[in-house]
Amino acid sequence: MYKRRRILTFATAGAVICTAGFIPSVSQAAGSGDREENGSYAETHGLTADDVKNINALNESALALGQPGKPPGELPPSAGPSSRAPGSTDDRETPPAEPLERMPDAYRAYGGRATTVINNYIRKWQQVYSHRDGKKQQMTEEQREKLSYGCVGVTWVNSGPYPMNKLAFAFFDENKYKNDLKNISPRPDETRAEFEGRIAKDSFDEEKGFKRARDVASVMNKALESAHDEGAYIDNLKTGLANNNDALLHEDSRSNFYSALRDTPSFKERDGGNYDPSKMKAVVYSKHFWSGQDQRGSSDRRKYGDPEAFRPDRGTGLVDMSRDRSVPRSPAKPGESWVNFDYGWFGAQTEADADKTVWTHGDHYHAPNSGLGPMHVYESKFRKWSAGYADFDRGTYMITFIPKSWNTAPAKVQQGWP
C-alpha cells in the first residue's frame, strides 16, 4: 500500500526520470559487459515521445520548486499548469517505511551493475548509510519522498539538500579536439554540426574529470580536519593549494569554490556542522546532461550539442554550471525524444582504482501504480556509470559537503550488499 505525500515544499509538481539503464534478460546481461549504451533512454525503455515530454515537463516543475528559499506551495510561472505537457500528471508516490532491523535482499548483478527495487534500497540504506553519530536511523517520510524522485532522489537523500551543482569539475582535451577536427572526416551523411558535436563529446574524459574532483576534495578534507571556524578552513585550504601549485588558489574569494562550505545548509545546522569545519567532509557526486541548452542559439547545437558549452577552465577544471537549466536535447528526427539528466552518488569512497568505484543512482521516479512502474536503484561500476546515453554529451563531477556524523558517504561501498 502506497500513499502520496506532500511533505516537501516542492513535491506538488515534481517528477524526475533518469537514464540509469534497463534490466536485461539473463542472455543480454551475459553479453553486455561494460560496453557503452549508445541508444537513448526512450528507446531502451520503450517510452513514447509523449511519455518523455510529460515526464520532462513535470521534471522542470520539480527543478524550479527545488530552488532554495522557495516558499511552501509556491509555483513559479514557468512551473504553472499552462507550461506542463497536455495530460501530464504527478503520479509519483512515496514508498512506505521499512522496519529498521529488516535486512535487504541481495541485488541482482549484471554487466558492471547491480539493481534492486526502491524498498530494498531503503533497507540497505538503513543498515549501511543511515547512521547518525554511529546509530542506525529509520529513513524518515521526508527522506523517502526525496528518494522517490529517481536518480536525483538518490543523491538528494544522501547529500541532504537538493543538489545545486555549484562546484563542478570536468576534463576536456583541447589538443585532441583540435586534432580530431583537423584529421578526422565526418561520417557518411553526417552534417558539420553533428560532426563537431560528436568530436567535442569524445574530447571529454570523465575519468580525468572524476580524478580532478577527488583530488580537490582530498585537499579540502585536509583543510577541514583542524579548522574550527571558516577563516581557519580557508587559510588551510589556501596552504594546501599552494603546496600543490594548484590554480584554484587564485580563484576569487567570492567564487563558489571558496564559498561552498558556508553555502552548505548542514554546515550551519546545530546537529550538523554547527559552523565547525572540522565536523564536515567533502564528498563527490556526478551529473550527466546535454550541452545544447541555449534556446536563443543555433537549432543545430540544440540537436547535436554545443562544442563550446560547459567546457572546464583549463587551469582549474571548474565548470560554470550557471547556464545549466537541465534542458533536454532537441529532436533532430521524427520520433526522437530525450530526457534531461542523470545523477550518480559517489560519496567519499577511498578505492583508488576508478574502475572499482560504485555509483548509486535510479532509473526513474517511483510510480508503482502507473505504466511507468516502481523505481529501481542501481549500483554501477564507474565504466558503466560514465558510459552514459545518447541523451547526454557532458559529464561533470561535483563536490559538496556533509557532516562527518552522517554515514551516507562511507569509505567503502560493497556493490549489491549483502
Protein backbone atom coordinates (compact mmCIF):
# COMPACT_ATOMS: atom_id res chain seq x y z
CA MET A 1 0.00 0.00 0.00
CA TYR A 2 1.44 3.36 -1.04
CA LYS A 3 0.47 6.85 -0.04
CA ARG A 4 1.08 10.05 -1.98
CA ARG A 5 2.96 12.55 0.19
CA ARG A 6 3.17 16.35 0.19
CA ILE A 7 5.82 16.97 2.82
CA LEU A 8 8.41 18.70 0.66
CA THR A 9 7.77 22.28 -0.34
CA PHE A 10 8.13 21.42 -4.00
CA ALA A 11 6.53 17.99 -4.07
CA THR A 12 3.27 19.19 -5.57
CA ALA A 13 4.61 19.35 -9.09
CA GLY A 14 7.78 17.32 -9.29
CA ALA A 15 8.67 14.15 -11.05
CA VAL A 16 12.10 13.04 -12.13
CA ILE A 17 13.23 10.46 -14.62
CA CYS A 18 16.82 9.46 -15.13
CA THR A 19 18.81 7.39 -17.53
CA ALA A 20 20.20 4.68 -15.36
CA GLY A 21 19.64 1.76 -17.67
CA PHE A 22 17.34 -1.21 -18.05
CA ILE A 23 17.19 -4.67 -16.54
CA PRO A 24 18.18 -7.04 -19.32
CA SER A 25 17.38 -10.69 -19.64
CA VAL A 26 19.99 -13.16 -18.44
CA SER A 27 21.21 -13.70 -22.00
CA GLN A 28 21.50 -9.96 -22.62
CA ALA A 29 23.36 -9.45 -19.36
CA ALA A 30 25.88 -12.16 -20.14
CA GLY A 31 26.99 -10.43 -23.31
CA SER A 32 26.72 -6.80 -22.34
CA GLY A 33 29.91 -6.37 -20.32
CA ASP A 34 30.72 -2.70 -19.80
CA ARG A 35 30.05 -1.58 -23.36
CA GLU A 36 28.74 1.92 -23.91
CA GLU A 37 25.00 2.43 -24.08
CA ASN A 38 24.69 4.31 -27.38
CA GLY A 39 20.91 4.47 -27.61
CA SER A 40 18.53 6.89 -25.96
CA TYR A 41 16.73 6.30 -22.72
CA ALA A 42 13.38 6.34 -24.52
CA GLU A 43 14.49 3.62 -26.96
CA THR A 44 15.86 1.49 -24.15
CA HIS A 45 12.72 1.72 -22.04
CA GLY A 46 10.12 1.72 -24.80
CA LEU A 47 8.80 5.19 -23.98
CA THR A 48 6.84 7.27 -26.46
CA ALA A 49 7.66 10.87 -27.30
CA ASP A 50 4.59 11.95 -25.32
CA ASP A 51 5.80 9.94 -22.32
CA VAL A 52 9.12 11.75 -22.29
CA LYS A 53 7.50 15.13 -22.95
CA ASN A 54 5.20 14.72 -19.96
CA ILE A 55 8.00 13.48 -17.72
CA ASN A 56 10.30 16.37 -18.62
CA ALA A 57 7.51 18.92 -18.07
CA LEU A 58 6.95 17.62 -14.55
CA ASN A 59 10.70 17.45 -14.06
CA GLU A 60 11.05 21.16 -14.86
CA SER A 61 8.48 21.92 -12.19
CA ALA A 62 10.42 19.91 -9.61
CA LEU A 63 13.66 21.67 -10.51
CA ALA A 64 12.07 25.10 -10.24
CA LEU A 65 10.47 24.30 -6.91
CA GLY A 66 13.71 22.80 -5.61
CA GLN A 67 15.48 26.15 -5.57
CA PRO A 68 16.49 27.30 -2.07
CA GLY A 69 14.24 29.85 -0.41
CA LYS A 70 11.14 28.85 -2.36
CA PRO A 71 8.11 29.41 -0.09
CA PRO A 72 5.96 26.33 0.59
CA GLY A 73 3.43 25.65 -2.10
CA GLU A 74 4.64 28.43 -4.39
CA LEU A 75 4.68 27.59 -8.07
CA PRO A 76 6.86 29.81 -10.26
CA PRO A 77 5.27 30.99 -13.51
CA SER A 78 7.34 28.54 -15.54
CA ALA A 79 6.01 25.66 -13.47
CA GLY A 80 2.34 26.54 -13.66
CA PRO A 81 -0.23 24.22 -15.22
CA SER A 82 -0.08 26.03 -18.57
CA SER A 83 3.60 25.12 -19.00
CA ARG A 84 3.09 21.40 -18.49
CA ALA A 85 2.61 18.95 -21.29
CA PRO A 86 -1.05 18.19 -22.03
CA GLY A 87 -2.30 15.37 -19.85
CA SER A 88 0.78 15.28 -17.61
CA THR A 89 0.08 14.18 -14.05
CA ASP A 90 2.03 13.79 -10.85
CA ASP A 91 1.77 10.03 -10.37
CA ARG A 92 4.87 9.85 -8.19
CA GLU A 93 4.32 8.08 -4.89
CA THR A 94 6.31 7.90 -1.67
CA PRO A 95 7.33 4.34 -0.76
CA PRO A 96 6.25 3.03 2.65
CA ALA A 97 8.52 2.81 5.67
CA GLU A 98 10.66 -0.28 6.11
CA PRO A 99 11.34 -1.87 9.53
CA LEU A 100 14.70 -0.68 10.84
CA GLU A 101 16.00 -4.17 11.55
CA ARG A 102 14.85 -5.75 8.28
CA MET A 103 17.88 -6.84 6.25
CA PRO A 104 17.98 -6.23 2.48
CA ASP A 105 17.94 -8.94 -0.12
CA ALA A 106 20.96 -9.30 -2.41
CA TYR A 107 20.84 -7.12 -5.52
CA ARG A 108 20.67 -8.60 -8.99
CA ALA A 109 24.08 -8.15 -10.65
CA TYR A 110 24.86 -7.93 -14.37
CA GLY A 111 27.43 -6.23 -16.59
CA GLY A 112 29.07 -3.93 -14.04
CA ARG A 113 25.77 -3.02 -12.39
CA ALA A 114 23.67 -4.33 -9.50
CA THR A 115 19.99 -3.45 -9.26
CA THR A 116 17.18 -3.61 -6.74
CA VAL A 117 13.74 -2.15 -6.06
CA ILE A 118 13.39 1.04 -4.05
CA ASN A 119 12.02 -0.74 -0.97
CA ASN A 120 15.07 -2.99 -0.78
CA TYR A 121 17.38 0.01 -1.21
CA ILE A 122 15.69 1.65 1.78
CA ARG A 123 16.51 -1.46 3.83
CA LYS A 124 20.14 -1.34 2.72
CA TRP A 125 20.32 2.41 3.33
CA GLN A 126 19.06 1.93 6.88
CA GLN A 127 21.67 -0.75 7.58
CA VAL A 128 24.65 0.89 5.85
CA TYR A 129 24.11 4.62 5.25
CA SER A 130 21.61 5.88 7.82
CA HIS A 131 23.89 6.21 10.84
CA ARG A 132 23.96 9.49 12.73
CA ASP A 133 26.69 9.58 15.38
CA GLY A 134 27.04 5.83 14.99
CA LYS A 135 23.36 4.96 15.46
CA LYS A 136 21.17 3.45 12.76
CA GLN A 137 18.18 5.55 11.73
CA GLN A 138 14.95 4.60 10.02
CA MET A 139 14.51 6.51 6.75
CA THR A 140 12.01 9.25 7.51
CA GLU A 141 8.95 10.03 5.46
CA GLU A 142 10.60 13.19 4.16
CA GLN A 143 13.70 11.24 3.13
CA ARG A 144 11.58 8.60 1.41
CA GLU A 145 9.83 11.33 -0.52
CA LYS A 146 13.16 12.77 -1.64
CA LEU A 147 14.30 9.32 -2.72
CA SER A 148 11.12 8.77 -4.76
CA TYR A 149 12.26 11.38 -7.30
CA GLY A 150 14.59 8.90 -9.01
CA CYS A 151 18.30 9.41 -9.72
CA VAL A 152 18.37 12.92 -8.28
CA GLY A 153 16.48 11.49 -5.31
CA VAL A 154 19.32 9.08 -4.53
CA THR A 155 21.84 11.91 -4.45
CA TRP A 156 19.37 14.14 -2.63
CA VAL A 157 18.66 11.74 0.23
CA ASN A 158 22.38 11.15 0.78
CA SER A 159 23.65 14.73 0.45
CA GLY A 160 20.87 16.48 2.39
CA PRO A 161 19.78 19.44 0.24
CA TYR A 162 18.62 19.29 -3.37
CA PRO A 163 21.86 19.16 -5.44
CA MET A 164 22.66 22.62 -6.78
CA ASN A 165 25.82 21.66 -8.74
CA LYS A 166 27.76 24.83 -7.97
CA LEU A 167 31.18 23.22 -7.58
CA ALA A 168 31.61 21.12 -10.73
CA PHE A 169 34.71 19.68 -12.39
CA ALA A 170 35.40 18.09 -15.77
CA PHE A 171 38.30 17.43 -18.14
CA PHE A 172 38.34 18.50 -21.78
CA ASP A 173 41.26 17.54 -24.04
CA GLU A 174 41.70 20.66 -26.16
CA ASN A 175 44.52 19.17 -28.24
CA LYS A 176 42.52 16.05 -29.05
CA TYR A 177 39.55 18.19 -30.04
CA LYS A 178 41.58 20.36 -32.41
CA ASN A 179 43.49 17.42 -33.89
CA ASP A 180 40.34 15.37 -34.45
CA LEU A 181 38.57 18.27 -36.14
CA LYS A 182 41.54 18.57 -38.45
CA ASN A 183 42.36 14.93 -39.10
CA ILE A 184 39.07 13.03 -38.87
CA SER A 185 36.46 13.14 -41.62
CA PRO A 186 32.72 13.31 -40.94
CA ARG A 187 30.80 10.07 -41.21
CA PRO A 188 28.62 9.47 -44.28
CA ASP A 189 25.59 11.78 -44.21
CA GLU A 190 26.89 13.48 -41.03
CA THR A 191 26.40 17.24 -41.04
CA ARG A 192 29.10 19.61 -39.88
CA ALA A 193 27.13 20.36 -36.71
CA GLU A 194 26.77 16.64 -35.93
CA PHE A 195 30.48 16.11 -36.56
CA GLU A 196 31.61 18.96 -34.33
CA GLY A 197 29.25 17.91 -31.55
CA ARG A 198 30.49 14.33 -31.68
CA ILE A 199 34.15 15.35 -31.65
CA ALA A 200 33.54 17.67 -28.70
CA LYS A 201 31.75 14.93 -26.74
CA ASP A 202 34.58 12.47 -27.40
CA SER A 203 37.12 15.03 -26.17
CA PHE A 204 35.73 14.98 -22.63
CA ASP A 205 37.46 12.44 -20.39
CA GLU A 206 35.18 11.54 -17.48
CA GLU A 207 37.79 9.54 -15.62
CA LYS A 208 40.12 12.55 -15.53
CA GLY A 209 37.24 14.83 -14.54
CA PHE A 210 36.38 12.46 -11.70
CA LYS A 211 40.02 12.33 -10.61
CA ARG A 212 40.21 16.11 -10.53
CA ALA A 213 37.15 16.31 -8.28
CA ARG A 214 38.56 13.62 -5.96
CA ASP A 215 41.92 15.35 -5.74
CA VAL A 216 40.33 18.69 -4.86
CA ALA A 217 38.03 17.03 -2.31
CA SER A 218 41.11 15.47 -0.70
CA VAL A 219 42.75 18.89 -0.29
CA MET A 220 39.51 20.25 1.14
CA ASN A 221 39.23 17.42 3.64
CA LYS A 222 42.76 18.01 4.90
CA ALA A 223 41.92 21.69 5.31
CA LEU A 224 38.79 20.82 7.30
CA GLU A 225 40.48 18.49 9.78
CA SER A 226 41.94 21.03 12.21
CA ALA A 227 39.77 24.06 11.39
CA HIS A 228 37.15 25.17 13.90
CA ASP A 229 35.99 28.27 12.04
CA GLU A 230 35.61 29.15 8.39
CA GLY A 231 38.59 31.51 8.37
CA ALA A 232 40.92 28.75 9.56
CA TYR A 233 39.49 26.40 6.92
CA ILE A 234 40.13 28.91 4.12
CA ASP A 235 43.69 29.50 5.37
CA ASN A 236 44.34 25.75 5.49
CA LEU A 237 42.80 25.32 2.07
CA LYS A 238 44.98 28.00 0.51
CA THR A 239 48.07 26.46 2.09
CA GLY A 240 47.20 23.06 0.66
CA LEU A 241 46.56 24.50 -2.79
CA ALA A 242 49.83 26.46 -2.69
CA ASN A 243 51.75 23.32 -1.73
CA ASN A 244 50.28 21.58 -4.78
CA ASN A 245 50.78 24.60 -7.04
CA ASP A 246 47.06 24.36 -7.79
CA ALA A 247 45.44 27.07 -9.93
CA LEU A 248 42.39 27.06 -7.64
CA LEU A 249 44.49 29.08 -5.20
CA HIS A 250 43.88 32.11 -7.40
CA GLU A 251 40.10 31.82 -7.51
CA ASP A 252 38.31 34.97 -6.40
CA SER A 253 37.47 34.92 -2.69
CA ARG A 254 33.78 35.32 -3.62
CA SER A 255 33.80 32.36 -6.01
CA ASN A 256 31.74 29.22 -5.50
CA PHE A 257 34.94 27.40 -4.66
CA TYR A 258 35.66 29.39 -1.52
CA SER A 259 32.02 29.92 -0.53
CA ALA A 260 30.94 26.28 -0.95
CA LEU A 261 31.26 25.35 2.73
CA ARG A 262 29.36 28.34 4.10
CA ASP A 263 26.64 27.80 1.48
CA THR A 264 26.02 24.23 2.69
CA PRO A 265 22.86 24.13 4.85
CA SER A 266 24.08 21.27 7.08
CA PHE A 267 27.23 23.25 7.96
CA LYS A 268 25.01 25.74 9.81
CA GLU A 269 22.70 23.23 11.48
CA ARG A 270 23.19 22.51 15.17
CA ASP A 271 23.04 18.74 14.64
CA GLY A 272 25.30 19.03 11.58
CA GLY A 273 28.44 21.11 11.36
CA ASN A 274 27.25 23.82 13.76
CA TYR A 275 29.66 26.21 11.97
CA ASP A 276 32.65 23.98 12.83
CA PRO A 277 34.50 22.95 9.63
CA SER A 278 36.21 20.03 11.40
CA LYS A 279 32.78 18.38 11.68
CA MET A 280 32.28 18.37 7.89
CA LYS A 281 33.70 16.41 4.97
CA ALA A 282 33.85 16.97 1.21
CA VAL A 283 32.13 14.34 -0.95
CA VAL A 284 31.53 13.77 -4.66
CA TYR A 285 28.55 13.12 -6.95
CA SER A 286 28.05 13.35 -10.71
CA LYS A 287 25.60 14.74 -13.26
CA HIS A 288 25.17 13.83 -16.94
CA PHE A 289 23.33 16.35 -19.12
CA TRP A 290 23.07 17.93 -22.58
CA SER A 291 25.22 20.87 -23.72
CA GLY A 292 22.93 22.50 -26.30
CA GLN A 293 20.62 24.33 -23.91
CA ASP A 294 20.68 27.86 -25.35
CA GLN A 295 17.14 28.34 -26.63
CA ARG A 296 18.18 31.53 -28.45
CA GLY A 297 21.13 29.89 -30.16
CA SER A 298 21.53 27.60 -33.15
CA SER A 299 18.92 24.86 -33.50
CA ASP A 300 21.70 22.56 -34.74
CA ARG A 301 23.53 22.97 -31.45
CA ARG A 302 20.38 22.11 -29.53
CA LYS A 303 20.13 18.93 -31.61
CA TYR A 304 23.77 17.88 -31.88
CA GLY A 305 25.50 19.61 -28.98
CA ASP A 306 27.28 22.90 -28.41
CA PRO A 307 31.05 22.34 -28.69
CA GLU A 308 31.78 25.49 -26.68
CA ALA A 309 29.32 24.95 -23.84
CA PHE A 310 30.20 23.72 -20.35
CA ARG A 311 33.89 23.33 -21.00
CA PRO A 312 36.02 23.38 -17.86
CA ASP A 313 38.52 26.10 -17.12
CA ARG A 314 41.84 24.82 -18.47
CA GLY A 315 43.70 25.73 -15.29
CA THR A 316 41.29 24.80 -12.52
CA GLY A 317 39.00 22.23 -14.13
CA LEU A 318 35.97 24.15 -12.83
CA VAL A 319 32.82 24.13 -14.97
CA ASP A 320 30.48 27.12 -14.91
CA MET A 321 27.09 25.48 -14.37
CA SER A 322 25.15 28.73 -14.08
CA ARG A 323 23.70 28.24 -17.58
CA ASP A 324 22.62 24.67 -16.90
CA ARG A 325 18.82 24.65 -16.90
CA SER A 326 18.53 20.88 -17.37
CA VAL A 327 17.07 21.44 -20.84
CA PRO A 328 16.93 18.16 -22.77
CA ARG A 329 18.36 17.59 -26.20
CA SER A 330 16.16 18.73 -29.10
CA PRO A 331 14.96 16.03 -31.52
CA ALA A 332 16.62 16.02 -34.93
CA LYS A 333 14.36 13.37 -36.47
CA PRO A 334 10.70 12.41 -36.13
CA GLY A 335 10.14 10.17 -33.13
CA GLU A 336 13.26 11.21 -31.21
CA SER A 337 12.81 12.19 -27.58
CA TRP A 338 15.38 12.81 -24.88
CA VAL A 339 15.38 13.04 -21.10
CA ASN A 340 17.23 15.84 -19.42
CA PHE A 341 19.75 14.46 -16.88
CA ASP A 342 21.13 11.66 -14.75
CA TYR A 343 22.67 11.89 -11.26
CA GLY A 344 25.04 9.43 -9.57
CA TRP A 345 26.14 9.42 -5.90
CA PHE A 346 29.77 8.53 -5.13
CA GLY A 347 30.31 9.94 -1.66
CA ALA A 348 33.77 9.53 -0.14
CA GLN A 349 34.97 6.09 -1.22
CA THR A 350 38.68 5.51 -0.75
CA GLU A 351 39.06 2.92 -3.54
CA ALA A 352 41.97 4.25 -5.62
CA ASP A 353 41.02 2.46 -8.86
CA ALA A 354 38.24 4.44 -10.54
CA ASP A 355 37.01 1.31 -12.32
CA LYS A 356 36.25 -0.33 -8.97
CA THR A 357 34.27 2.58 -7.52
CA VAL A 358 30.50 2.26 -7.14
CA TRP A 359 27.94 4.86 -8.22
CA THR A 360 24.40 4.76 -6.84
CA HIS A 361 21.56 6.08 -8.99
CA GLY A 362 17.99 5.33 -10.04
CA ASP A 363 16.05 4.63 -13.21
CA HIS A 364 13.07 6.98 -12.80
CA TYR A 365 10.70 8.39 -10.24
CA HIS A 366 8.59 5.98 -8.21
CA ALA A 367 5.18 5.42 -9.81
CA PRO A 368 4.14 1.85 -8.94
CA ASN A 369 0.50 2.37 -9.90
CA SER A 370 1.16 3.84 -13.36
CA GLY A 371 2.53 2.50 -16.61
CA LEU A 372 5.99 3.75 -15.66
CA GLY A 373 6.17 1.41 -12.68
CA PRO A 374 8.23 1.28 -9.49
CA MET A 375 11.62 2.91 -9.13
CA HIS A 376 14.76 0.77 -9.24
CA VAL A 377 18.07 1.70 -7.64
CA TYR A 378 21.38 0.84 -9.30
CA GLU A 379 24.93 0.44 -8.07
CA SER A 380 27.16 0.78 -11.12
CA LYS A 381 30.90 0.48 -11.50
CA PHE A 382 32.49 3.62 -12.91
CA ARG A 383 32.74 2.39 -16.53
CA LYS A 384 29.05 1.58 -16.52
CA TRP A 385 28.14 4.89 -14.93
CA SER A 386 30.32 7.08 -17.13
CA ALA A 387 29.25 5.43 -20.43
CA GLY A 388 26.03 7.42 -20.43
CA TYR A 389 23.41 7.59 -23.17
CA ALA A 390 22.85 9.48 -26.39
CA ASP A 391 20.72 11.89 -24.35
CA PHE A 392 23.90 13.41 -22.85
CA ASP A 393 27.20 14.82 -24.02
CA ARG A 394 28.54 16.24 -20.74
CA GLY A 395 29.58 14.56 -17.51
CA THR A 396 30.58 16.70 -14.54
CA TYR A 397 31.79 15.70 -11.09
CA MET A 398 30.59 17.81 -8.18
CA ILE A 399 31.89 18.45 -4.69
CA THR A 400 29.55 19.14 -1.80
CA PHE A 401 29.81 18.84 1.98
CA ILE A 402 28.07 16.66 4.54
CA PRO A 403 28.59 16.32 8.31
CA LYS A 404 31.10 13.67 9.35
CA SER A 405 28.47 12.33 11.75
CA TRP A 406 26.43 11.17 8.73
CA ASN A 407 27.27 7.80 7.21
CA THR A 408 25.81 8.46 3.76
CA ALA A 409 29.31 8.60 2.27
CA PRO A 410 31.29 5.69 3.77
CA ALA A 411 34.87 4.94 2.77
CA LYS A 412 33.90 1.56 1.29
CA VAL A 413 30.77 0.61 -0.67
CA GLN A 414 30.01 -3.06 -1.24
CA GLN A 415 28.12 -3.41 -4.50
CA GLY A 416 24.87 -5.34 -4.14
CA TRP A 417 25.39 -5.96 -0.42
CA PRO A 418 24.76 -8.33 1.27
